[in-house]
Amino acid sequence: MNGNTLTIVLALLAPGGILAAMIERTRRENNRDHNRNSELLHKIDGKVDQIDGKVDKVDERLFAHLEDHWKKDR
């Protein structure tokens, strides 16, 4: 290959290499963001379970309280 041919080949291949590097970087960022979001969703799920347990306790206490009133009125 002479110098002109090499220059033409590099000029044609360089944009493809830059594009490939940009795609790879975007893929890595996407995977990182996906993993981070997955962790956050698991934490949220745990908090929702805690809140659900607290609501169940309040529901039981409220029902018992109303039942006491109902029994007193009879």
C-alpha atoms as a PDB file:
ATOM      1  CA  MET A   1       0.000   0.000   0.000  1.00  0.00           C
ATOM      2  CA  ASN A   2       1.289   3.386  -0.835  1.00  0.00           C
ATOM      3  CA  GLY A   3       0.816   6.437   1.380  1.00  0.00           C
ATOM      4  CA  ASN A   4      -2.281   7.702  -0.419  1.00  0.00           C
ATOM      5  CA  THR A   5      -4.027   4.342  -0.213  1.00  0.00           C
ATOM      6  CA  LEU A   6      -3.235   4.027   3.494  1.00  0.00           C
ATOM      7  CA  THR A   7      -4.570   7.521   4.124  1.00  0.00           C
ATOM      8  CA  ILE A   8      -7.801   6.709   2.295  1.00  0.00           C
ATOM      9  CA  VAL A   9      -8.235   3.419   4.162  1.00  0.00           C
ATOM     10  CA  LEU A  10      -7.668   5.131   7.521  1.00  0.00           C
ATOM     11  CA  ALA A  11     -10.039   7.949   6.586  1.00  0.00           C
ATOM     12  CA  LEU A  12     -12.728   5.388   5.797  1.00  0.00           C
ATOM     13  CA  LEU A  13     -12.159   3.207   8.889  1.00  0.00           C
ATOM     14  CA  ALA A  14     -11.607   5.886  11.536  1.00  0.00           C
ATOM     15  CA  PRO A  15     -15.238   7.039  11.761  1.00  0.00           C
ATOM     16  CA  GLY A  16     -16.341   3.422  12.193  1.00  0.00           C
ATOM     17  CA  GLY A  17     -13.889   2.967  15.066  1.00  0.00           C
ATOM     18  CA  ILE A  18     -15.061   6.160  16.748  1.00  0.00           C
ATOM     19  CA  LEU A  19     -18.686   5.085  16.319  1.00  0.00           C
ATOM     20  CA  ALA A  20     -17.934   1.636  17.756  1.00  0.00           C
ATOM     21  CA  ALA A  21     -16.252   3.219  20.786  1.00  0.00           C
ATOM     22  CA  MET A  22     -19.230   5.523  21.336  1.00  0.00           C
ATOM     23  CA  ILE A  23     -21.672   2.606  21.100  1.00  0.00           C
ATOM     24  CA  GLU A  24     -19.624   0.570  23.581  1.00  0.00           C
ATOM     25  CA  ARG A  25     -19.499   3.478  26.036  1.00  0.00           C
ATOM     26  CA  THR A  26     -23.261   3.978  25.775  1.00  0.00           C
ATOM     27  CA  ARG A  27     -23.820   0.232  26.332  1.00  0.00           C
ATOM     28  CA  ARG A  28     -21.688   0.271  29.490  1.00  0.00           C
ATOM     29  CA  GLU A  29     -23.477   3.349  30.839  1.00  0.00           C
ATOM     30  CA  ASN A  30     -26.838   1.720  30.118  1.00  0.00           C
ATOM     31  CA  ASN A  31     -25.836  -1.448  31.988  1.00  0.00           C
ATOM     32  CA  ARG A  32     -24.557   0.603  34.934  1.00  0.00           C
ATOM     33  CA  ASP A  33     -27.751   2.651  35.065  1.00  0.00           C
ATOM     34  CA  HIS A  34     -29.878  -0.493  34.777  1.00  0.00           C
ATOM     35  CA  ASN A  35     -28.066  -2.101  37.708  1.00  0.00           C
ATOM     36  CA  ARG A  36     -28.430   1.049  39.823  1.00  0.00           C
ATOM     37  CA  ASN A  37     -32.144   1.298  39.057  1.00  0.00           C
ATOM     38  CA  SER A  38     -32.637  -2.374  39.848  1.00  0.00           C
ATOM     39  CA  GLU A  39     -31.030  -1.871  43.277  1.00  0.00           C
ATOM     40  CA  LEU A  40     -33.260   1.141  43.949  1.00  0.00           C
ATOM     41  CA  LEU A  41     -36.376  -0.793  42.971  1.00  0.00           C
ATOM     42  CA  HIS A  42     -35.421  -3.604  45.371  1.00  0.00           C
ATOM     43  CA  LYS A  43     -35.011  -1.057  48.168  1.00  0.00           C
ATOM     44  CA  ILE A  44     -38.379   0.492  47.338  1.00  0.00           C
ATOM     45  CA  ASP A  45     -39.964  -2.959  47.355  1.00  0.00           C
ATOM     46  CA  GLY A  46     -38.588  -3.585  50.850  1.00  0.00           C
ATOM     47  CA  LYS A  47     -39.935  -0.251  52.081  1.00  0.00           C
ATOM     48  CA  VAL A  48     -43.363  -1.003  50.586  1.00  0.00           C
ATOM     49  CA  ASP A  49     -43.376  -4.327  52.455  1.00  0.00           C
ATOM     50  CA  GLN A  50     -42.557  -2.500  55.704  1.00  0.00           C
ATOM     51  CA  ILE A  51     -45.351  -0.001  55.135  1.00  0.00           C
ATOM     52  CA  ASP A  52     -47.763  -2.811  54.287  1.00  0.00           C
ATOM     53  CA  GLY A  53     -46.940  -4.484  57.605  1.00  0.00           C
ATOM     54  CA  LYS A  54     -47.545  -1.242  59.481  1.00  0.00           C
ATOM     55  CA  VAL A  55     -50.872  -0.699  57.724  1.00  0.00           C
ATOM     56  CA  ASP A  56     -51.921  -4.229  58.662  1.00  0.00           C
ATOM     57  CA  LYS A  57     -51.116  -3.523  62.327  1.00  0.00           C
ATOM     58  CA  VAL A  58     -53.099  -0.265  62.280  1.00  0.00           C
ATOM     59  CA  ASP A  59     -55.973  -2.050  60.560  1.00  0.00           C
ATOM     60  CA  GLU A  60     -56.014  -4.768  63.240  1.00  0.00           C
ATOM     61  CA  ARG A  61     -55.879  -2.219  66.068  1.00  0.00           C
ATOM     62  CA  LEU A  62     -58.603  -0.086  64.521  1.00  0.00           C
ATOM     63  CA  PHE A  63     -60.831  -3.109  63.989  1.00  0.00           C
ATOM     64  CA  ALA A  64     -60.304  -4.192  67.608  1.00  0.00           C
ATOM     65  CA  HIS A  65     -61.114  -0.680  68.801  1.00  0.00           C
ATOM     66  CA  LEU A  66     -64.315  -0.526  66.760  1.00  0.00           C
ATOM     67  CA  GLU A  67     -65.260  -3.994  67.937  1.00  0.00           C
ATOM     68  CA  ASP A  68     -64.866  -2.822  71.567  1.00  0.00           C
ATOM     69  CA  HIS A  69     -67.237   0.070  70.879  1.00  0.00           C
ATOM     70  CA  TRP A  70     -69.711  -2.236  69.203  1.00  0.00           C
ATOM     71  CA  LYS A  71     -69.643  -4.640  72.178  1.00  0.00           C
ATOM     72  CA  LYS A  72     -70.146  -1.789  74.682  1.00  0.00           C
ATOM     73  CA  ASP A  73     -73.168  -0.495  72.763  1.00  0.00           C
ATOM     74  CA  ARG A  74     -74.916  -3.851  72.852  1.00  0.00           C
END
